[in-house]
Amino acid sequence: MPSIYVFLDDLVKMGATFALALSTGWLFFQAGMPAPFLMGSLFGVWFGGALLRPIQPYLGVARWFHIPVILGLAVMIGAAFDQQMLLQITIWWKSLCVMMITTFIVCMTGYQLLTRWRGYDKRLAFFCSLPGGQAEALILARQLVEKDYVVALFHLVRVTVVFLSTPLLLAFIQGGDAVAASNRTLASMPSIFDLPLFDLGLFIFIAVLGLGLAFILRLPLPYLLGPMCLSILFHLMGWADLPRINEFVILAQLAIGGAIGARLAKVPFQEVFGYLKDALINTVIILSLFIIAALIMAMMEGFNFLELWLAFVPGGLYEVTLLALIFGFDVAFVAFHHTVRIIPLIFAMSFIAKRLPDNKEGPDNKEGPDNKESPDTKEA
């Protein structure tokens, strides 16, 4: 339990961090940027701290603050499952199998590229090569690898490239409308003040009970997997139908983006930019393999290629689902494929990552970028 002085210090750091994150996120939102509060908070805190070095000691998001954020995210992930989705499994099983096989190939290709060619530490390469589960990968990477900011860069590059390029692929003109509609969707989410007390209580009940059961069953990532599994059960059984809460979605983006930005601010720019080339190459590989799989599946089974591409491309569940809605595709088809890909990734990443050797046990990375020295970027 942190002392009162540590607690007050955490509050000061979070106050400064959230001030930068919220202001930059609001500017990105007004400018119509995709995922504005996540990208805005990350870039705002990162560049603000890097350019104004005296404020660096006052930036950071305490670990204890992440717990309610993780619990809420877990409940919302489980809410993506409903009874209607289960009825479509017999129809979609072929495309689901192709997507999961492609996901495995993508993970292995990226992992081999980063470890053998670029000399990355095995755990770091594993997290960087995951095609999805961005928030969950960042949460676990913070616990298991030193350079979790590299994981954030890889996922940020992938999601940004996907979200900016997919509208251009779908329609040269309507791409801007997709981003604007995404931000309108965020603004139109129900407020916590509009939520019935029963739904709010049920949200908290699932999160707390799920956490308790996870500890009893000794699940990995208990703050994430416990509430998520219980939320899936409640929504599949029809016992709950919880919406995404506007303030919490924004808070989660600010907490994750601000925490990563605070750590990036303490790392020299030249080291950060050294990883961008690898992130871009990895993103090109991921998208190329998924687009090949979508093309083959579309030709063999008669699927609409663009609809299948939206179902396969790892660019964020809510953002890609929104694009499907805008362009008139089957939203349930797209959302279900993304959910089925993400859930096994979440379960597997903790099991696999903890069994991979860390920096001390890994191969000698003299030729790779991961051998560079960097300041201690971990938060107390």
Protein backbone atom coordinates (compact mmCIF):
# COMPACT_ATOMS: atom_id res chain seq x y z
CA MET A 1 0.00 0.00 0.00
CA PRO A 2 1.64 3.28 -1.05
CA SER A 3 2.31 5.85 1.64
CA ILE A 4 0.47 9.16 1.66
CA TYR A 5 3.52 10.91 0.19
CA VAL A 6 3.78 8.45 -2.67
CA PHE A 7 0.04 8.73 -3.22
CA LEU A 8 0.22 12.54 -3.37
CA ASP A 9 3.19 12.33 -5.72
CA ASP A 10 1.18 10.01 -7.98
CA LEU A 11 -1.70 12.49 -7.98
CA VAL A 12 0.60 15.35 -8.99
CA LYS A 13 2.07 13.28 -11.84
CA MET A 14 -1.34 12.19 -13.07
CA GLY A 15 -2.66 15.74 -12.86
CA ALA A 16 0.12 17.02 -15.11
CA THR A 17 -0.11 14.02 -17.43
CA PHE A 18 -3.89 14.16 -17.85
CA ALA A 19 -3.79 17.93 -18.38
CA LEU A 20 -1.47 17.46 -21.35
CA ALA A 21 -3.27 14.33 -22.55
CA LEU A 22 -6.78 15.77 -22.40
CA SER A 23 -5.88 19.08 -24.04
CA THR A 24 -4.04 17.42 -26.92
CA GLY A 25 -6.72 14.76 -27.26
CA TRP A 26 -9.39 17.46 -27.50
CA LEU A 27 -7.40 19.22 -30.23
CA PHE A 28 -7.05 15.95 -32.15
CA PHE A 29 -10.79 15.37 -31.71
CA GLN A 30 -11.60 18.83 -33.07
CA ALA A 31 -9.25 18.22 -36.00
CA GLY A 32 -11.08 14.98 -36.87
CA MET A 33 -8.13 12.66 -36.21
CA PRO A 34 -8.76 8.90 -35.81
CA ALA A 35 -8.70 7.60 -32.22
CA PRO A 36 -8.14 11.22 -31.10
CA PHE A 37 -7.82 10.80 -27.35
CA LEU A 38 -5.48 7.82 -27.62
CA MET A 39 -3.23 9.36 -30.27
CA GLY A 40 -3.56 12.86 -28.83
CA SER A 41 -2.64 11.84 -25.29
CA LEU A 42 0.30 9.74 -26.47
CA PHE A 43 1.76 12.41 -28.74
CA GLY A 44 0.90 15.30 -26.42
CA VAL A 45 2.56 13.84 -23.33
CA TRP A 46 5.45 12.42 -25.37
CA PHE A 47 6.41 15.61 -27.21
CA GLY A 48 5.44 17.86 -24.30
CA GLY A 49 7.75 16.02 -21.93
CA ALA A 50 10.53 15.62 -24.50
CA LEU A 51 10.56 19.32 -25.42
CA LEU A 52 10.06 20.62 -21.86
CA ARG A 53 12.55 18.48 -19.96
CA PRO A 54 11.89 20.13 -16.52
CA ILE A 55 8.37 18.63 -16.47
CA GLN A 56 9.53 15.05 -17.13
CA PRO A 57 9.74 14.12 -13.42
CA TYR A 58 6.10 15.22 -13.07
CA LEU A 59 4.73 12.95 -15.79
CA GLY A 60 3.41 9.45 -15.33
CA VAL A 61 0.33 7.33 -14.54
CA ALA A 62 0.51 5.23 -11.38
CA ARG A 63 0.12 1.48 -11.67
CA TRP A 64 -2.72 1.41 -9.14
CA PHE A 65 -4.75 3.75 -11.36
CA HIS A 66 -4.59 1.25 -14.20
CA ILE A 67 -6.54 -1.38 -12.24
CA PRO A 68 -10.05 0.14 -12.68
CA VAL A 69 -9.17 0.96 -16.29
CA ILE A 70 -8.27 -2.67 -16.98
CA LEU A 71 -11.40 -3.92 -15.20
CA GLY A 72 -13.63 -1.65 -17.27
CA LEU A 73 -11.96 -2.60 -20.53
CA ALA A 74 -12.42 -6.27 -19.69
CA VAL A 75 -16.16 -5.84 -19.11
CA MET A 76 -16.55 -3.93 -22.40
CA ILE A 77 -14.65 -6.62 -24.36
CA GLY A 78 -17.04 -9.24 -22.99
CA ALA A 79 -20.00 -7.08 -23.98
CA ALA A 80 -19.00 -7.55 -27.65
CA PHE A 81 -20.44 -11.09 -27.43
CA ASP A 82 -24.19 -11.60 -27.71
CA GLN A 83 -26.63 -14.37 -28.52
CA GLN A 84 -27.02 -13.33 -32.16
CA MET A 85 -23.33 -13.91 -32.85
CA LEU A 86 -23.55 -17.56 -31.78
CA LEU A 87 -26.18 -18.27 -34.45
CA GLN A 88 -23.76 -17.32 -37.24
CA ILE A 89 -20.86 -19.64 -36.34
CA THR A 90 -22.03 -22.44 -38.66
CA ILE A 91 -22.18 -19.98 -41.56
CA TRP A 92 -18.87 -18.19 -40.94
CA TRP A 93 -16.66 -21.10 -39.88
CA LYS A 94 -14.60 -21.20 -43.09
CA SER A 95 -13.65 -17.54 -43.01
CA LEU A 96 -12.99 -17.80 -39.26
CA CYS A 97 -10.58 -20.70 -39.82
CA VAL A 98 -8.74 -18.84 -42.58
CA MET A 99 -8.48 -15.73 -40.40
CA MET A 100 -7.12 -17.66 -37.41
CA ILE A 101 -4.57 -19.55 -39.55
CA THR A 102 -3.46 -16.25 -41.08
CA THR A 103 -3.19 -14.71 -37.62
CA PHE A 104 -0.87 -17.52 -36.52
CA ILE A 105 1.27 -17.14 -39.67
CA VAL A 106 1.44 -13.37 -39.15
CA CYS A 107 2.57 -13.76 -35.54
CA MET A 108 5.26 -16.30 -36.43
CA THR A 109 6.52 -14.27 -39.41
CA GLY A 110 6.80 -11.07 -37.42
CA TYR A 111 8.42 -12.86 -34.50
CA GLN A 112 11.04 -14.52 -36.70
CA LEU A 113 11.71 -11.24 -38.49
CA LEU A 114 12.31 -9.30 -35.30
CA THR A 115 14.33 -11.95 -33.46
CA ARG A 116 16.45 -13.39 -36.26
CA TRP A 117 16.87 -10.42 -38.59
CA ARG A 118 16.68 -7.49 -36.17
CA GLY A 119 17.95 -9.13 -32.97
CA TYR A 120 15.04 -8.19 -30.73
CA ASP A 121 14.58 -9.73 -27.30
CA LYS A 122 12.11 -12.62 -27.60
CA ARG A 123 9.45 -11.20 -25.31
CA LEU A 124 9.65 -7.78 -26.94
CA ALA A 125 9.43 -9.33 -30.42
CA PHE A 126 6.41 -11.39 -29.37
CA PHE A 127 4.43 -8.38 -28.17
CA CYS A 128 5.43 -6.31 -31.22
CA SER A 129 4.33 -9.03 -33.68
CA LEU A 130 0.80 -9.48 -32.25
CA PRO A 131 -1.83 -8.43 -34.84
CA GLY A 132 -4.37 -7.02 -32.41
CA GLY A 133 -5.18 -6.70 -28.73
CA GLN A 134 -3.36 -3.37 -28.48
CA ALA A 135 -4.56 -2.28 -25.04
CA GLU A 136 -4.10 -5.75 -23.55
CA ALA A 137 -0.62 -6.13 -25.07
CA LEU A 138 0.45 -2.77 -23.62
CA ILE A 139 -0.88 -3.69 -20.19
CA LEU A 140 1.02 -7.00 -20.11
CA ALA A 141 4.14 -5.60 -21.79
CA ARG A 142 4.41 -3.00 -19.04
CA GLN A 143 4.81 -5.84 -16.55
CA LEU A 144 7.14 -8.11 -18.51
CA VAL A 145 9.44 -6.02 -20.73
CA GLU A 146 11.51 -2.95 -20.07
CA LYS A 147 10.95 -1.26 -23.43
CA ASP A 148 7.16 -1.34 -23.48
CA TYR A 149 7.22 1.95 -25.39
CA VAL A 150 8.53 -0.04 -28.39
CA VAL A 151 5.44 -2.27 -28.19
CA ALA A 152 3.29 0.88 -28.15
CA LEU A 153 5.07 2.22 -31.23
CA PHE A 154 4.53 -1.01 -33.19
CA HIS A 155 0.83 -1.17 -32.37
CA LEU A 156 0.34 2.55 -32.92
CA VAL A 157 1.95 2.35 -36.38
CA ARG A 158 -0.18 -0.68 -37.31
CA VAL A 159 -3.50 0.79 -36.15
CA THR A 160 -2.74 4.20 -37.69
CA VAL A 161 -1.76 2.73 -41.07
CA VAL A 162 -4.83 0.47 -41.10
CA PHE A 163 -7.28 3.18 -40.13
CA LEU A 164 -5.87 5.78 -42.51
CA SER A 165 -5.43 3.42 -45.47
CA THR A 166 -8.59 1.30 -45.22
CA PRO A 167 -11.01 4.17 -46.00
CA LEU A 168 -8.89 4.96 -49.08
CA LEU A 169 -9.14 1.35 -50.15
CA LEU A 170 -12.88 1.30 -49.64
CA ALA A 171 -13.67 4.71 -51.14
CA PHE A 172 -11.37 7.55 -52.11
CA ILE A 173 -13.87 10.20 -51.07
CA GLN A 174 -15.68 8.67 -48.08
CA GLY A 175 -12.54 7.98 -46.06
CA GLY A 176 -12.78 11.35 -44.32
CA ASP A 177 -16.43 10.69 -43.53
CA ALA A 178 -15.45 7.44 -41.82
CA VAL A 179 -13.09 9.21 -39.43
CA ALA A 180 -15.64 11.91 -38.72
CA ALA A 181 -18.34 9.32 -38.08
CA SER A 182 -16.03 7.46 -35.71
CA ASN A 183 -15.58 10.60 -33.63
CA ARG A 184 -19.33 11.29 -33.73
CA THR A 185 -19.90 7.76 -32.44
CA LEU A 186 -17.55 8.45 -29.52
CA ALA A 187 -19.37 11.68 -28.73
CA SER A 188 -22.78 9.99 -28.96
CA MET A 189 -21.98 7.18 -26.52
CA PRO A 190 -24.16 7.34 -23.41
CA SER A 191 -22.72 9.32 -20.53
CA ILE A 192 -22.16 7.73 -17.15
CA PHE A 193 -24.74 10.21 -15.82
CA ASP A 194 -27.34 8.86 -18.29
CA LEU A 195 -26.70 5.25 -17.35
CA PRO A 196 -29.39 3.64 -15.17
CA LEU A 197 -28.18 2.84 -11.67
CA PHE A 198 -28.91 -0.85 -12.28
CA ASP A 199 -26.62 -0.95 -15.36
CA LEU A 200 -23.91 0.97 -13.54
CA GLY A 201 -24.15 -1.37 -10.58
CA LEU A 202 -24.12 -4.41 -12.88
CA PHE A 203 -21.01 -3.05 -14.63
CA ILE A 204 -19.20 -2.72 -11.29
CA PHE A 205 -20.56 -6.08 -10.04
CA ILE A 206 -19.22 -7.98 -13.08
CA ALA A 207 -15.83 -6.27 -12.79
CA VAL A 208 -15.38 -6.95 -9.07
CA LEU A 209 -16.84 -10.48 -9.04
CA GLY A 210 -14.84 -11.40 -12.13
CA LEU A 211 -11.65 -10.21 -10.46
CA GLY A 212 -12.41 -12.22 -7.33
CA LEU A 213 -13.11 -15.38 -9.33
CA ALA A 214 -9.89 -14.87 -11.31
CA PHE A 215 -7.88 -14.78 -8.10
CA ILE A 216 -9.64 -17.89 -6.79
CA LEU A 217 -9.03 -19.78 -10.05
CA ARG A 218 -5.51 -18.33 -10.33
CA LEU A 219 -6.05 -17.12 -13.90
CA PRO A 220 -3.23 -15.27 -15.67
CA LEU A 221 -3.90 -11.55 -16.08
CA PRO A 222 -6.65 -11.70 -13.41
CA TYR A 223 -7.61 -8.01 -13.78
CA LEU A 224 -8.35 -8.61 -17.44
CA LEU A 225 -9.40 -12.24 -17.95
CA GLY A 226 -11.65 -12.57 -14.89
CA PRO A 227 -14.06 -9.70 -15.63
CA MET A 228 -13.88 -10.40 -19.37
CA CYS A 229 -14.93 -14.06 -19.02
CA LEU A 230 -17.72 -13.21 -16.61
CA SER A 231 -18.91 -10.41 -18.91
CA ILE A 232 -18.96 -12.83 -21.87
CA LEU A 233 -21.06 -15.27 -19.81
CA PHE A 234 -23.54 -12.59 -18.73
CA HIS A 235 -23.99 -11.27 -22.28
CA LEU A 236 -24.27 -14.69 -23.92
CA MET A 237 -26.90 -15.72 -21.37
CA GLY A 238 -28.81 -12.48 -21.90
CA TRP A 239 -28.36 -11.35 -18.32
CA ALA A 240 -26.66 -8.10 -19.31
CA ASP A 241 -26.65 -5.67 -22.22
CA LEU A 242 -24.15 -3.02 -21.22
CA PRO A 243 -23.25 -0.07 -23.48
CA ARG A 244 -19.87 1.59 -23.87
CA ILE A 245 -19.69 4.59 -21.54
CA ASN A 246 -18.39 7.81 -23.11
CA GLU A 247 -16.37 9.04 -20.13
CA PHE A 248 -14.79 5.66 -19.47
CA VAL A 249 -13.77 5.13 -23.10
CA ILE A 250 -12.09 8.53 -23.08
CA LEU A 251 -10.49 7.90 -19.66
CA ALA A 252 -9.08 4.57 -20.83
CA GLN A 253 -7.53 6.23 -23.89
CA LEU A 254 -6.04 9.02 -21.77
CA ALA A 255 -4.62 6.59 -19.18
CA ILE A 256 -3.04 4.25 -21.72
CA GLY A 257 -1.84 6.96 -24.10
CA GLY A 258 -0.63 9.22 -21.29
CA ALA A 259 1.31 6.45 -19.55
CA ILE A 260 3.06 5.45 -22.76
CA GLY A 261 3.73 9.07 -23.68
CA ALA A 262 5.29 9.74 -20.28
CA ARG A 263 7.74 6.89 -20.75
CA LEU A 264 8.52 7.86 -24.34
CA ALA A 265 9.32 11.40 -23.18
CA LYS A 266 12.24 10.05 -21.15
CA VAL A 267 13.77 8.17 -24.09
CA PRO A 268 16.03 9.99 -26.61
CA PHE A 269 14.29 10.73 -29.92
CA GLN A 270 17.01 9.03 -31.96
CA GLU A 271 16.38 5.73 -30.16
CA VAL A 272 12.61 5.92 -30.66
CA PHE A 273 12.86 6.72 -34.36
CA GLY A 274 15.26 3.81 -34.80
CA TYR A 275 12.33 1.46 -34.18
CA LEU A 276 9.92 3.12 -36.61
CA LYS A 277 11.44 1.43 -39.66
CA ASP A 278 10.98 -1.99 -38.07
CA ALA A 279 7.40 -1.09 -37.10
CA LEU A 280 6.56 -0.03 -40.67
CA ILE A 281 8.09 -3.20 -42.15
CA ASN A 282 6.18 -5.35 -39.65
CA THR A 283 2.94 -3.51 -40.48
CA VAL A 284 3.45 -4.06 -44.22
CA ILE A 285 4.00 -7.78 -43.61
CA ILE A 286 0.88 -8.05 -41.43
CA LEU A 287 -1.36 -6.24 -43.91
CA SER A 288 0.08 -8.07 -46.92
CA LEU A 289 -0.58 -11.51 -45.45
CA PHE A 290 -4.12 -10.60 -44.40
CA ILE A 291 -4.96 -9.06 -47.79
CA ILE A 292 -3.67 -12.20 -49.57
CA ALA A 293 -5.84 -14.37 -47.30
CA ALA A 294 -8.88 -12.15 -47.97
CA LEU A 295 -8.29 -12.30 -51.75
CA ILE A 296 -7.97 -16.10 -51.76
CA MET A 297 -11.05 -16.53 -49.57
CA ALA A 298 -13.09 -14.11 -51.71
CA MET A 299 -12.19 -15.92 -54.94
CA MET A 300 -12.78 -19.42 -53.54
CA GLU A 301 -15.98 -18.85 -51.55
CA GLY A 302 -17.55 -15.84 -53.27
CA PHE A 303 -17.28 -13.44 -50.32
CA ASN A 304 -17.28 -9.70 -50.93
CA PHE A 305 -13.57 -8.87 -50.83
CA LEU A 306 -13.89 -5.49 -49.11
CA GLU A 307 -16.26 -6.91 -46.48
CA LEU A 308 -13.83 -9.78 -45.88
CA TRP A 309 -10.90 -7.35 -45.70
CA LEU A 310 -12.68 -5.37 -42.99
CA ALA A 311 -13.31 -8.61 -41.08
CA PHE A 312 -9.66 -9.66 -41.33
CA VAL A 313 -7.64 -6.45 -41.04
CA PRO A 314 -6.30 -5.83 -37.49
CA GLY A 315 -7.19 -2.18 -37.13
CA GLY A 316 -9.32 -1.93 -34.00
CA LEU A 317 -12.71 -3.54 -33.35
CA TYR A 318 -14.76 -0.37 -32.95
CA GLU A 319 -13.09 1.57 -35.78
CA VAL A 320 -13.31 -1.23 -38.37
CA THR A 321 -16.87 -2.11 -37.32
CA LEU A 322 -17.81 1.53 -37.86
CA LEU A 323 -16.32 1.46 -41.36
CA ALA A 324 -18.42 -1.62 -42.11
CA LEU A 325 -21.55 0.23 -41.00
CA ILE A 326 -20.74 3.28 -43.11
CA PHE A 327 -20.07 1.31 -46.28
CA GLY A 328 -23.11 -0.92 -45.89
CA PHE A 329 -21.42 -4.23 -45.03
CA ASP A 330 -22.52 -6.86 -42.52
CA VAL A 331 -21.52 -5.32 -39.20
CA ALA A 332 -22.07 -8.54 -37.22
CA PHE A 333 -19.82 -10.45 -39.64
CA VAL A 334 -17.01 -7.92 -39.22
CA ALA A 335 -17.36 -7.52 -35.44
CA PHE A 336 -17.53 -11.26 -34.78
CA HIS A 337 -14.36 -12.00 -36.73
CA HIS A 338 -12.44 -9.35 -34.84
CA THR A 339 -13.74 -10.54 -31.50
CA VAL A 340 -12.86 -14.18 -32.25
CA ARG A 341 -9.31 -13.13 -33.22
CA ILE A 342 -8.74 -10.95 -30.16
CA ILE A 343 -10.01 -13.30 -27.44
CA PRO A 344 -7.51 -16.15 -28.11
CA LEU A 345 -4.73 -13.56 -28.41
CA ILE A 346 -5.56 -12.22 -24.96
CA PHE A 347 -5.55 -15.70 -23.42
CA ALA A 348 -2.39 -16.79 -25.26
CA MET A 349 -0.23 -13.70 -24.80
CA SER A 350 0.17 -14.09 -21.03
CA PHE A 351 0.82 -17.84 -21.23
CA ILE A 352 3.39 -17.54 -24.04
CA ALA A 353 5.12 -14.31 -22.98
CA LYS A 354 5.87 -15.52 -19.46
CA ARG A 355 7.56 -18.62 -20.87
CA LEU A 356 9.82 -16.72 -23.22
CA PRO A 357 13.25 -15.71 -21.89
CA ASP A 358 13.68 -12.08 -20.86
CA ASN A 359 16.63 -9.84 -21.83
CA LYS A 360 19.05 -11.59 -19.50
CA GLU A 361 18.18 -15.03 -20.84
CA GLY A 362 17.74 -14.10 -24.49
CA PRO A 363 20.25 -14.29 -27.34
CA ASP A 364 23.13 -11.90 -27.71
CA ASN A 365 21.61 -8.96 -29.59
CA LYS A 366 24.72 -7.05 -30.48
CA GLU A 367 23.51 -6.42 -34.03
CA GLY A 368 19.92 -5.59 -33.18
CA PRO A 369 18.35 -2.33 -32.06
CA ASP A 370 17.44 -3.76 -28.67
CA ASN A 371 21.01 -3.58 -27.39
CA LYS A 372 20.89 0.18 -27.05
CA GLU A 373 21.05 1.61 -23.60
CA SER A 374 18.13 3.68 -22.45
CA PRO A 375 17.21 5.45 -19.23
CA ASP A 376 14.99 3.78 -16.74
CA THR A 377 11.52 4.49 -18.04
CA LYS A 378 9.57 2.46 -15.55
CA GLU A 379 7.13 4.13 -13.18
CA ALA A 380 7.38 3.44 -9.50
